[in-house]
Amino acid sequence: MAGRFELYEDKSGDWRFRLKAGNGEIIATGQGYASKSGAVNGIDSVRRNAADAEVVEVEN
């Protein structure tokens, strides 16, 4: 089963998304957006950029 993006409105009225793996585990979450369309744009950005994103180790 492929993963899926879930789009939802949180308790404070912001729109958010989360990416779930095929097993139902949440593997990524998005920031709060003022509008649903903003959250959809965030999902589109993840889709466009994640495949080629560089992995960089950083120190805390």
C-alpha atoms as a PDB file:
ATOM      1  CA  MET A   1       0.000   0.000   0.000  1.00  0.00           C
ATOM      2  CA  ALA A   2       1.370   3.413  -0.961  1.00  0.00           C
ATOM      3  CA  GLY A   3       1.620   6.285   1.476  1.00  0.00           C
ATOM      4  CA  ARG A   4      -0.821   9.163   1.521  1.00  0.00           C
ATOM      5  CA  PHE A   5      -1.053  12.813   2.445  1.00  0.00           C
ATOM      6  CA  GLU A   6      -3.785  13.694   4.931  1.00  0.00           C
ATOM      7  CA  LEU A   7      -5.060  17.274   4.863  1.00  0.00           C
ATOM      8  CA  TYR A   8      -6.915  18.599   7.916  1.00  0.00           C
ATOM      9  CA  GLU A   9      -7.913  21.678   9.883  1.00  0.00           C
ATOM     10  CA  ASP A  10      -6.474  21.764  13.415  1.00  0.00           C
ATOM     11  CA  LYS A  11      -8.197  22.997  16.588  1.00  0.00           C
ATOM     12  CA  SER A  12      -6.895  26.545  16.117  1.00  0.00           C
ATOM     13  CA  GLY A  13      -8.237  26.771  12.551  1.00  0.00           C
ATOM     14  CA  ASP A  14      -4.923  26.305  10.743  1.00  0.00           C
ATOM     15  CA  TRP A  15      -4.658  23.850   7.848  1.00  0.00           C
ATOM     16  CA  ARG A  16      -2.011  21.144   8.144  1.00  0.00           C
ATOM     17  CA  PHE A  17      -0.923  17.989   6.388  1.00  0.00           C
ATOM     18  CA  ARG A  18       0.804  14.809   7.373  1.00  0.00           C
ATOM     19  CA  LEU A  19       2.364  12.119   5.238  1.00  0.00           C
ATOM     20  CA  LYS A  20       1.623   8.566   6.294  1.00  0.00           C
ATOM     21  CA  ALA A  21       3.520   5.495   5.148  1.00  0.00           C
ATOM     22  CA  GLY A  22       1.682   2.472   3.817  1.00  0.00           C
ATOM     23  CA  ASN A  23       1.675   0.966   7.312  1.00  0.00           C
ATOM     24  CA  GLY A  24      -0.117   4.043   8.729  1.00  0.00           C
ATOM     25  CA  GLU A  25       2.926   5.510  10.486  1.00  0.00           C
ATOM     26  CA  ILE A  26       3.258   9.304  10.277  1.00  0.00           C
ATOM     27  CA  ILE A  27       6.560  10.046   8.556  1.00  0.00           C
ATOM     28  CA  ALA A  28       6.266  13.800   7.946  1.00  0.00           C
ATOM     29  CA  THR A  29       4.134  16.722   9.113  1.00  0.00           C
ATOM     30  CA  GLY A  30       3.608  20.172   7.701  1.00  0.00           C
ATOM     31  CA  GLN A  31       3.491  23.542   9.400  1.00  0.00           C
ATOM     32  CA  GLY A  32       0.202  25.335  10.014  1.00  0.00           C
ATOM     33  CA  TYR A  33      -1.229  27.285   7.066  1.00  0.00           C
ATOM     34  CA  ALA A  34      -3.890  29.992   7.173  1.00  0.00           C
ATOM     35  CA  SER A  35      -5.710  28.490   4.195  1.00  0.00           C
ATOM     36  CA  LYS A  36      -6.436  25.074   2.766  1.00  0.00           C
ATOM     37  CA  SER A  37      -4.850  26.112  -0.525  1.00  0.00           C
ATOM     38  CA  GLY A  38      -1.662  27.034   1.352  1.00  0.00           C
ATOM     39  CA  ALA A  39      -1.477  23.543   2.829  1.00  0.00           C
ATOM     40  CA  VAL A  40      -2.088  22.000  -0.606  1.00  0.00           C
ATOM     41  CA  ASN A  41       0.786  24.128  -1.948  1.00  0.00           C
ATOM     42  CA  GLY A  42       2.936  22.777   0.898  1.00  0.00           C
ATOM     43  CA  ILE A  43       2.100  19.216  -0.152  1.00  0.00           C
ATOM     44  CA  ASP A  44       2.964  20.056  -3.759  1.00  0.00           C
ATOM     45  CA  SER A  45       6.296  21.497  -2.619  1.00  0.00           C
ATOM     46  CA  VAL A  46       7.167  18.301  -0.736  1.00  0.00           C
ATOM     47  CA  ARG A  47       6.253  16.233  -3.775  1.00  0.00           C
ATOM     48  CA  ARG A  48       8.454  18.346  -6.069  1.00  0.00           C
ATOM     49  CA  ASN A  49      11.461  18.715  -3.817  1.00  0.00           C
ATOM     50  CA  ALA A  50      11.752  15.568  -1.696  1.00  0.00           C
ATOM     51  CA  ALA A  51      12.826  13.120  -4.409  1.00  0.00           C
ATOM     52  CA  ASP A  52      16.041  15.016  -5.177  1.00  0.00           C
ATOM     53  CA  ALA A  53      16.676  16.467  -1.722  1.00  0.00           C
ATOM     54  CA  GLU A  54      20.189  16.083  -0.374  1.00  0.00           C
ATOM     55  CA  VAL A  55      20.643  14.344   3.000  1.00  0.00           C
ATOM     56  CA  VAL A  56      22.948  16.368   5.240  1.00  0.00           C
ATOM     57  CA  GLU A  57      23.953  15.502   8.792  1.00  0.00           C
ATOM     58  CA  VAL A  58      23.933  18.498  11.128  1.00  0.00           C
ATOM     59  CA  GLU A  59      24.997  18.923  14.729  1.00  0.00           C
ATOM     60  CA  ASN A  60      22.474  19.983  17.344  1.00  0.00           C
END
